[in-house]
């Protein structure tokens, strides 16, 4: 990991969305398979170690099923602050975003907006460390029965 690049990114990046895998389809050019994908616990371990190097950031939320963890800036950055009164606002109010984007386009790109203008409160069940691990409790969750093998190499 190029530590200096990540330290430089801290000056402008509002959050880091860390994914264990993004499925891109099958390819004859690669022999990678799902067996090469890290388990969610391994992604969490990596993200926690990564967040230690980023003093103004904190692990904010996760979604185990997508194998994703979000590290967000906890102070004001680029006029954005996603942790308000101790609560993360990492979700998107899509209706508000569409409204703001339409206003931006209709103003000949002069009516600016930022992520703070359309951020929404992160549900408790999506918060990092919550037992639901990002699963909406109104949905049915299926658990894998196979034991997990650590492929992280740490």
N, C-alpha and C. Protein backbone atom coordinates (compact mmCIF):
# COMPACT_ATOMS: atom_id res chain seq x y z
N UNK A 1 0.85 -1.17 0.00
CA UNK A 1 0.00 0.00 0.00
C UNK A 1 0.90 1.24 0.00
N UNK A 2 0.59 2.17 -0.84
CA UNK A 2 1.39 3.40 -0.90
C UNK A 2 0.83 4.40 0.11
N UNK A 3 1.42 4.38 1.29
CA UNK A 3 0.92 5.18 2.40
C UNK A 3 0.86 6.66 2.06
N UNK A 4 1.87 7.18 1.38
CA UNK A 4 1.90 8.61 1.08
C UNK A 4 0.74 9.02 0.17
N UNK A 5 0.34 8.15 -0.75
CA UNK A 5 -0.79 8.47 -1.62
C UNK A 5 -2.08 8.56 -0.83
N UNK A 6 -2.26 7.65 0.13
CA UNK A 6 -3.47 7.69 0.94
C UNK A 6 -3.47 8.89 1.87
N UNK A 7 -2.31 9.24 2.39
CA UNK A 7 -2.24 10.43 3.24
C UNK A 7 -2.59 11.67 2.44
N UNK A 8 -2.13 11.74 1.19
CA UNK A 8 -2.45 12.87 0.33
C UNK A 8 -3.95 12.88 0.00
N UNK A 9 -4.53 11.72 -0.22
CA UNK A 9 -5.95 11.63 -0.56
C UNK A 9 -6.82 12.15 0.58
N UNK A 10 -6.35 12.08 1.81
CA UNK A 10 -7.12 12.54 2.96
C UNK A 10 -7.52 14.00 2.83
N UNK A 11 -6.76 14.76 2.09
CA UNK A 11 -7.05 16.19 1.99
C UNK A 11 -8.34 16.45 1.21
N UNK A 12 -8.75 15.53 0.35
CA UNK A 12 -9.90 15.79 -0.51
C UNK A 12 -10.95 14.70 -0.54
N UNK A 13 -10.67 13.53 -0.03
CA UNK A 13 -11.60 12.40 -0.12
C UNK A 13 -12.56 12.41 1.06
N UNK A 14 -13.86 12.36 0.76
CA UNK A 14 -14.86 12.36 1.82
C UNK A 14 -15.03 10.98 2.44
N UNK A 15 -14.91 9.94 1.62
CA UNK A 15 -14.98 8.59 2.14
C UNK A 15 -14.28 7.61 1.23
N UNK A 16 -13.94 6.47 1.82
CA UNK A 16 -13.35 5.35 1.08
C UNK A 16 -14.36 4.21 1.14
N UNK A 17 -14.80 3.75 0.00
CA UNK A 17 -15.72 2.63 -0.09
C UNK A 17 -14.88 1.40 -0.42
N UNK A 18 -14.68 0.54 0.55
CA UNK A 18 -13.77 -0.61 0.40
C UNK A 18 -14.58 -1.88 0.18
N UNK A 19 -14.37 -2.51 -0.97
CA UNK A 19 -15.11 -3.72 -1.34
C UNK A 19 -14.17 -4.89 -1.46
N UNK A 20 -14.62 -6.04 -1.00
CA UNK A 20 -13.83 -7.25 -1.15
C UNK A 20 -13.87 -7.78 -2.57
N UNK A 21 -14.95 -7.46 -3.29
CA UNK A 21 -15.09 -7.94 -4.66
C UNK A 21 -16.15 -7.11 -5.38
N UNK A 22 -15.93 -6.91 -6.63
CA UNK A 22 -16.94 -6.36 -7.52
C UNK A 22 -17.00 -7.31 -8.71
N UNK A 23 -18.10 -8.03 -8.85
CA UNK A 23 -18.21 -9.03 -9.92
C UNK A 23 -18.23 -8.32 -11.27
N UNK A 24 -17.35 -8.74 -12.14
CA UNK A 24 -17.24 -8.14 -13.47
C UNK A 24 -17.50 -9.16 -14.58
N UNK A 25 -18.03 -10.28 -14.25
CA UNK A 25 -18.31 -11.30 -15.25
C UNK A 25 -17.15 -12.25 -15.43
N UNK A 26 -17.39 -13.30 -16.18
CA UNK A 26 -16.35 -14.29 -16.46
C UNK A 26 -15.44 -13.77 -17.57
N UNK A 27 -14.18 -14.19 -17.50
CA UNK A 27 -13.22 -13.77 -18.52
C UNK A 27 -12.23 -14.89 -18.76
N UNK A 28 -11.97 -15.17 -20.01
CA UNK A 28 -10.95 -16.16 -20.35
C UNK A 28 -9.55 -15.60 -20.13
N UNK A 29 -9.46 -14.29 -19.96
CA UNK A 29 -8.16 -13.66 -19.76
C UNK A 29 -7.69 -13.78 -18.31
N UNK A 30 -8.54 -14.26 -17.43
CA UNK A 30 -8.19 -14.35 -16.01
C UNK A 30 -8.64 -15.69 -15.44
N UNK A 31 -7.83 -16.21 -14.54
CA UNK A 31 -8.22 -17.45 -13.86
C UNK A 31 -8.74 -17.18 -12.45
N UNK A 32 -9.05 -15.92 -12.14
CA UNK A 32 -9.59 -15.59 -10.83
C UNK A 32 -11.01 -16.13 -10.70
N UNK A 33 -11.31 -16.63 -9.52
CA UNK A 33 -12.65 -17.14 -9.22
C UNK A 33 -13.10 -16.59 -7.88
N UNK A 34 -14.28 -16.96 -7.45
CA UNK A 34 -14.77 -16.52 -6.15
C UNK A 34 -13.89 -17.05 -5.02
N UNK A 35 -13.11 -18.09 -5.27
CA UNK A 35 -12.20 -18.59 -4.23
C UNK A 35 -11.08 -17.60 -3.95
N UNK A 36 -10.87 -16.63 -4.83
CA UNK A 36 -9.86 -15.60 -4.63
C UNK A 36 -10.39 -14.40 -3.86
N UNK A 37 -11.67 -14.40 -3.55
CA UNK A 37 -12.31 -13.26 -2.90
C UNK A 37 -12.14 -13.37 -1.39
N UNK A 38 -11.74 -12.29 -0.72
CA UNK A 38 -11.61 -12.34 0.75
C UNK A 38 -12.99 -12.41 1.42
N UNK A 39 -13.02 -13.04 2.60
CA UNK A 39 -14.23 -13.06 3.41
C UNK A 39 -14.46 -11.67 3.97
N UNK A 40 -15.69 -11.40 4.38
CA UNK A 40 -16.02 -10.08 4.92
C UNK A 40 -15.15 -9.74 6.13
N UNK A 41 -14.90 -10.72 6.98
CA UNK A 41 -14.07 -10.49 8.16
C UNK A 41 -12.66 -10.02 7.76
N UNK A 42 -12.16 -10.53 6.65
CA UNK A 42 -10.84 -10.12 6.17
C UNK A 42 -10.87 -8.69 5.64
N UNK A 43 -11.96 -8.33 4.96
CA UNK A 43 -12.12 -6.96 4.48
C UNK A 43 -12.20 -6.02 5.68
N UNK A 44 -12.98 -6.39 6.69
CA UNK A 44 -13.10 -5.58 7.91
C UNK A 44 -11.73 -5.41 8.56
N UNK A 45 -10.98 -6.49 8.68
CA UNK A 45 -9.64 -6.43 9.28
C UNK A 45 -8.76 -5.46 8.51
N UNK A 46 -8.75 -5.55 7.18
CA UNK A 46 -7.96 -4.64 6.36
C UNK A 46 -8.40 -3.19 6.56
N UNK A 47 -9.71 -2.96 6.53
CA UNK A 47 -10.25 -1.61 6.65
C UNK A 47 -9.91 -1.01 8.02
N UNK A 48 -10.01 -1.80 9.07
CA UNK A 48 -9.68 -1.29 10.40
C UNK A 48 -8.21 -0.89 10.48
N UNK A 49 -7.33 -1.69 9.90
CA UNK A 49 -5.90 -1.35 9.90
C UNK A 49 -5.65 -0.12 9.02
N UNK A 50 -6.36 -0.02 7.91
CA UNK A 50 -6.24 1.13 7.02
C UNK A 50 -6.71 2.40 7.71
N UNK A 51 -7.84 2.33 8.42
CA UNK A 51 -8.40 3.50 9.10
C UNK A 51 -7.46 4.06 10.16
N UNK A 52 -6.65 3.20 10.77
CA UNK A 52 -5.68 3.66 11.77
C UNK A 52 -4.69 4.65 11.14
N UNK A 53 -4.39 4.47 9.86
CA UNK A 53 -3.46 5.37 9.16
C UNK A 53 -4.13 6.68 8.76
N UNK A 54 -5.43 6.79 8.95
CA UNK A 54 -6.19 7.96 8.53
C UNK A 54 -6.84 8.59 9.75
N UNK A 55 -6.13 9.45 10.46
CA UNK A 55 -6.61 9.93 11.76
C UNK A 55 -7.93 10.71 11.73
N UNK A 56 -8.31 11.29 10.60
CA UNK A 56 -9.56 12.05 10.55
C UNK A 56 -10.73 11.23 10.02
N UNK A 57 -10.51 9.93 9.87
CA UNK A 57 -11.54 9.05 9.33
C UNK A 57 -11.90 7.99 10.36
N UNK A 58 -13.04 7.36 10.12
CA UNK A 58 -13.52 6.32 11.02
C UNK A 58 -14.33 5.31 10.20
N UNK A 59 -14.30 4.06 10.62
CA UNK A 59 -15.13 3.06 9.97
C UNK A 59 -16.57 3.40 10.33
N UNK A 60 -17.39 3.66 9.32
CA UNK A 60 -18.74 4.17 9.56
C UNK A 60 -19.82 3.11 9.43
N UNK A 61 -19.82 2.38 8.33
CA UNK A 61 -20.88 1.40 8.12
C UNK A 61 -20.39 0.26 7.25
N UNK A 62 -21.20 -0.78 7.19
CA UNK A 62 -20.81 -1.96 6.43
C UNK A 62 -22.03 -2.62 5.84
N UNK A 63 -21.78 -3.46 4.84
CA UNK A 63 -22.83 -4.31 4.29
C UNK A 63 -22.17 -5.65 3.98
N UNK A 64 -22.34 -6.59 4.89
CA UNK A 64 -21.65 -7.87 4.77
C UNK A 64 -21.99 -8.58 3.46
N UNK A 65 -23.24 -8.57 3.07
CA UNK A 65 -23.65 -9.28 1.86
C UNK A 65 -22.91 -8.76 0.61
N UNK A 66 -22.64 -7.47 0.56
CA UNK A 66 -21.90 -6.88 -0.57
C UNK A 66 -20.40 -6.91 -0.33
N UNK A 67 -20.00 -7.36 0.85
CA UNK A 67 -18.58 -7.41 1.22
C UNK A 67 -17.96 -6.02 1.14
N UNK A 68 -18.68 -5.02 1.67
CA UNK A 68 -18.24 -3.62 1.61
C UNK A 68 -18.19 -3.01 3.01
N UNK A 69 -17.24 -2.12 3.18
CA UNK A 69 -17.12 -1.34 4.42
C UNK A 69 -16.80 0.08 4.00
N UNK A 70 -17.40 1.05 4.69
CA UNK A 70 -17.20 2.46 4.36
C UNK A 70 -16.41 3.15 5.46
N UNK A 71 -15.33 3.82 5.06
CA UNK A 71 -14.57 4.68 5.96
C UNK A 71 -14.95 6.10 5.58
N UNK A 72 -15.42 6.89 6.54
CA UNK A 72 -15.87 8.25 6.25
C UNK A 72 -15.07 9.27 7.06
N UNK A 73 -14.95 10.46 6.49
CA UNK A 73 -14.28 11.57 7.17
C UNK A 73 -15.18 12.03 8.30
N UNK A 74 -14.62 12.21 9.49
CA UNK A 74 -15.46 12.55 10.64
C UNK A 74 -15.44 14.03 10.97
N UNK A 75 -14.70 14.82 10.23
CA UNK A 75 -14.67 16.26 10.47
C UNK A 75 -15.10 16.98 9.19
N UNK A 76 -15.13 18.29 9.22
CA UNK A 76 -15.50 19.06 8.04
C UNK A 76 -14.40 18.96 7.00
N UNK A 77 -14.77 18.56 5.80
CA UNK A 77 -13.83 18.42 4.69
C UNK A 77 -14.58 18.81 3.42
N UNK A 78 -14.04 19.72 2.66
CA UNK A 78 -14.70 20.14 1.41
C UNK A 78 -16.14 20.55 1.70
N UNK A 79 -16.37 21.26 2.79
CA UNK A 79 -17.70 21.68 3.21
C UNK A 79 -18.63 20.51 3.53
N UNK A 80 -18.06 19.36 3.83
CA UNK A 80 -18.86 18.18 4.14
C UNK A 80 -18.54 17.69 5.54
N UNK A 81 -19.55 17.27 6.24
CA UNK A 81 -19.37 16.62 7.53
C UNK A 81 -20.44 15.54 7.63
N UNK A 82 -20.00 14.29 7.70
CA UNK A 82 -20.93 13.18 7.66
C UNK A 82 -21.25 12.61 9.03
N UNK A 83 -20.53 13.07 10.05
CA UNK A 83 -20.84 12.65 11.41
C UNK A 83 -21.39 13.87 12.13
N UNK A 84 -22.71 13.87 12.36
CA UNK A 84 -23.40 15.01 12.94
C UNK A 84 -23.96 14.59 14.29
N UNK A 85 -23.56 15.31 15.33
CA UNK A 85 -24.00 14.99 16.70
C UNK A 85 -23.78 13.52 17.04
N UNK A 86 -22.63 13.00 16.61
CA UNK A 86 -22.26 11.62 16.92
C UNK A 86 -22.93 10.56 16.07
N UNK A 87 -23.74 10.95 15.10
CA UNK A 87 -24.46 10.00 14.23
C UNK A 87 -23.96 10.14 12.80
N UNK A 88 -23.71 9.00 12.16
CA UNK A 88 -23.27 9.00 10.76
C UNK A 88 -24.45 9.28 9.83
N UNK A 89 -24.15 10.07 8.79
CA UNK A 89 -25.11 10.37 7.72
C UNK A 89 -24.45 9.97 6.40
N UNK A 90 -24.36 8.67 6.17
CA UNK A 90 -23.66 8.17 4.98
C UNK A 90 -24.62 7.67 3.91
N UNK A 91 -25.90 7.73 4.17
CA UNK A 91 -26.87 7.28 3.17
C UNK A 91 -27.27 8.45 2.28
N UNK A 92 -27.86 8.12 1.16
CA UNK A 92 -28.22 9.14 0.17
C UNK A 92 -29.74 9.29 0.11
N UNK A 93 -30.20 10.54 0.22
CA UNK A 93 -31.60 10.87 -0.02
C UNK A 93 -31.71 11.07 -1.54
N UNK A 94 -32.09 10.01 -2.26
CA UNK A 94 -32.07 10.05 -3.72
C UNK A 94 -33.04 11.07 -4.29
N UNK A 95 -34.21 11.24 -3.67
CA UNK A 95 -35.15 12.26 -4.16
C UNK A 95 -34.52 13.64 -4.07
N UNK A 96 -33.85 13.92 -2.96
CA UNK A 96 -33.18 15.22 -2.79
C UNK A 96 -32.04 15.37 -3.80
N UNK A 97 -31.28 14.28 -4.01
CA UNK A 97 -30.18 14.33 -4.98
C UNK A 97 -30.71 14.67 -6.38
N UNK A 98 -31.79 14.01 -6.79
CA UNK A 98 -32.36 14.27 -8.12
C UNK A 98 -32.84 15.71 -8.21
N UNK A 99 -33.48 16.19 -7.16
CA UNK A 99 -33.94 17.58 -7.13
C UNK A 99 -32.77 18.55 -7.28
N UNK A 100 -31.71 18.32 -6.52
CA UNK A 100 -30.54 19.20 -6.57
C UNK A 100 -29.83 19.10 -7.92
N UNK A 101 -29.72 17.90 -8.45
CA UNK A 101 -29.06 17.73 -9.75
C UNK A 101 -29.86 18.41 -10.86
N UNK A 102 -31.18 18.29 -10.82
CA UNK A 102 -32.01 18.98 -11.81
C UNK A 102 -31.84 20.48 -11.72
N UNK A 103 -31.81 21.02 -10.49
CA UNK A 103 -31.60 22.46 -10.31
C UNK A 103 -30.24 22.87 -10.84
N UNK A 104 -29.24 22.05 -10.61
CA UNK A 104 -27.89 22.31 -11.12
C UNK A 104 -27.89 22.36 -12.64
N UNK A 105 -28.50 21.37 -13.28
CA UNK A 105 -28.53 21.32 -14.74
C UNK A 105 -29.35 22.47 -15.32
N UNK A 106 -30.48 22.79 -14.68
CA UNK A 106 -31.34 23.87 -15.18
C UNK A 106 -30.75 25.25 -14.95
N UNK A 107 -29.76 25.36 -14.09
CA UNK A 107 -29.12 26.66 -13.81
C UNK A 107 -27.87 26.85 -14.65
N UNK A 108 -27.72 26.04 -15.69
CA UNK A 108 -26.50 26.08 -16.51
C UNK A 108 -25.28 25.80 -15.65
N UNK A 109 -25.46 24.87 -14.71
CA UNK A 109 -24.40 24.37 -13.84
C UNK A 109 -23.83 25.44 -12.91
N UNK A 110 -24.68 26.36 -12.49
CA UNK A 110 -24.22 27.39 -11.55
C UNK A 110 -24.76 27.16 -10.13
N UNK A 111 -25.87 26.46 -9.99
CA UNK A 111 -26.43 26.19 -8.66
C UNK A 111 -25.76 24.94 -8.11
N UNK A 112 -24.68 25.13 -7.37
CA UNK A 112 -23.85 24.04 -6.88
C UNK A 112 -24.49 23.35 -5.67
N UNK A 113 -24.06 22.13 -5.43
CA UNK A 113 -24.47 21.40 -4.23
C UNK A 113 -23.38 20.41 -3.89
N UNK A 114 -23.42 19.92 -2.65
CA UNK A 114 -22.43 18.95 -2.20
C UNK A 114 -23.14 17.77 -1.56
N UNK A 115 -22.38 16.77 -1.18
CA UNK A 115 -22.94 15.56 -0.58
C UNK A 115 -23.73 15.86 0.69
N UNK A 116 -23.35 16.89 1.42
CA UNK A 116 -24.06 17.24 2.66
C UNK A 116 -25.51 17.61 2.36
N UNK A 117 -25.75 18.17 1.18
CA UNK A 117 -27.09 18.62 0.83
C UNK A 117 -28.07 17.47 0.60
N UNK A 118 -27.58 16.27 0.32
CA UNK A 118 -28.48 15.14 0.08
C UNK A 118 -28.16 13.93 0.96
N UNK A 119 -27.35 14.14 1.99
CA UNK A 119 -27.02 13.02 2.88
C UNK A 119 -28.22 12.68 3.75
N UNK A 120 -28.27 11.42 4.18
CA UNK A 120 -29.35 10.95 5.05
C UNK A 120 -28.74 10.14 6.19
N UNK A 121 -29.45 10.09 7.28
CA UNK A 121 -29.00 9.36 8.47
C UNK A 121 -28.80 7.88 8.14
N UNK A 122 -27.67 7.34 8.55
CA UNK A 122 -27.39 5.92 8.38
C UNK A 122 -28.25 5.14 9.37
N UNK A 123 -29.02 4.15 8.91
CA UNK A 123 -29.83 3.36 9.85
C UNK A 123 -28.93 2.63 10.85
N UNK A 124 -29.43 2.43 12.04
CA UNK A 124 -28.65 1.74 13.07
C UNK A 124 -28.13 0.40 12.58
N UNK A 125 -28.97 -0.36 11.87
CA UNK A 125 -28.60 -1.70 11.43
C UNK A 125 -27.48 -1.69 10.38
N UNK A 126 -27.18 -0.53 9.81
CA UNK A 126 -26.09 -0.44 8.82
C UNK A 126 -24.80 0.09 9.44
N UNK A 127 -24.87 0.50 10.69
CA UNK A 127 -23.68 1.04 11.36
C UNK A 127 -22.64 -0.06 11.55
N UNK A 128 -21.38 0.32 11.44
CA UNK A 128 -20.31 -0.65 11.63
C UNK A 128 -20.37 -1.20 13.05
N UNK A 129 -20.31 -2.53 13.15
CA UNK A 129 -20.34 -3.19 14.45
C UNK A 129 -21.72 -3.63 14.90
N UNK A 130 -22.78 -3.20 14.19
CA UNK A 130 -24.13 -3.63 14.55
C UNK A 130 -24.29 -5.11 14.18
N UNK A 131 -25.00 -5.89 15.00
CA UNK A 131 -25.17 -7.32 14.71
C UNK A 131 -25.78 -7.61 13.34
N UNK A 132 -26.57 -6.71 12.77
CA UNK A 132 -27.18 -6.93 11.46
C UNK A 132 -26.16 -6.83 10.32
N UNK A 133 -25.01 -6.22 10.56
CA UNK A 133 -23.94 -6.06 9.58
C UNK A 133 -24.43 -5.50 8.24
N UNK A 134 -25.34 -4.53 8.32
CA UNK A 134 -25.81 -3.87 7.11
C UNK A 134 -27.02 -4.52 6.46
N UNK A 135 -27.53 -5.59 7.04
CA UNK A 135 -28.72 -6.24 6.49
C UNK A 135 -29.96 -5.56 7.03
N UNK A 136 -30.84 -5.15 6.15
CA UNK A 136 -32.11 -4.55 6.54
C UNK A 136 -32.92 -5.63 7.28
N UNK A 137 -33.32 -5.38 8.52
CA UNK A 137 -34.04 -6.40 9.29
C UNK A 137 -35.38 -6.79 8.68
N UNK A 138 -35.90 -6.00 7.75
CA UNK A 138 -37.17 -6.35 7.11
C UNK A 138 -36.97 -7.36 5.98
N UNK A 139 -35.72 -7.68 5.64
CA UNK A 139 -35.42 -8.64 4.58
C UNK A 139 -35.02 -9.99 5.19
N UNK A 140 -35.16 -11.05 4.43
CA UNK A 140 -34.79 -12.39 4.88
C UNK A 140 -33.31 -12.62 4.61
N UNK A 141 -32.61 -13.07 5.62
CA UNK A 141 -31.17 -13.30 5.51
C UNK A 141 -30.89 -14.80 5.51
N UNK A 142 -30.00 -15.22 4.60
CA UNK A 142 -29.56 -16.62 4.52
C UNK A 142 -28.11 -16.68 4.90
N UNK A 143 -27.76 -17.66 5.74
CA UNK A 143 -26.37 -17.82 6.17
C UNK A 143 -25.73 -19.00 5.46
N UNK A 144 -24.46 -18.83 5.09
CA UNK A 144 -23.70 -19.91 4.48
C UNK A 144 -23.34 -20.93 5.55
N UNK A 145 -23.36 -22.20 5.21
CA UNK A 145 -23.10 -23.24 6.20
C UNK A 145 -21.67 -23.75 6.15
N UNK A 146 -20.93 -23.44 5.10
CA UNK A 146 -19.55 -23.93 4.99
C UNK A 146 -18.65 -23.15 5.94
N UNK A 147 -17.66 -23.80 6.54
CA UNK A 147 -16.70 -23.07 7.38
C UNK A 147 -15.87 -22.13 6.51
N UNK A 148 -15.47 -21.02 7.10
CA UNK A 148 -14.72 -20.02 6.36
C UNK A 148 -13.23 -20.28 6.46
N UNK A 149 -12.56 -20.19 5.33
CA UNK A 149 -11.11 -20.36 5.27
C UNK A 149 -10.50 -18.97 5.10
N UNK A 150 -9.52 -18.62 5.93
CA UNK A 150 -8.86 -17.32 5.84
C UNK A 150 -7.88 -17.34 4.68
N UNK A 151 -8.15 -16.48 3.68
CA UNK A 151 -7.23 -16.38 2.53
C UNK A 151 -6.52 -15.04 2.53
N UNK A 152 -6.66 -14.29 3.64
CA UNK A 152 -6.11 -12.94 3.70
C UNK A 152 -4.60 -12.87 3.82
N UNK A 153 -3.98 -13.90 4.31
CA UNK A 153 -2.53 -13.91 4.40
C UNK A 153 -1.94 -13.09 5.53
N UNK A 154 -2.75 -12.74 6.54
CA UNK A 154 -2.22 -11.93 7.65
C UNK A 154 -2.07 -12.77 8.88
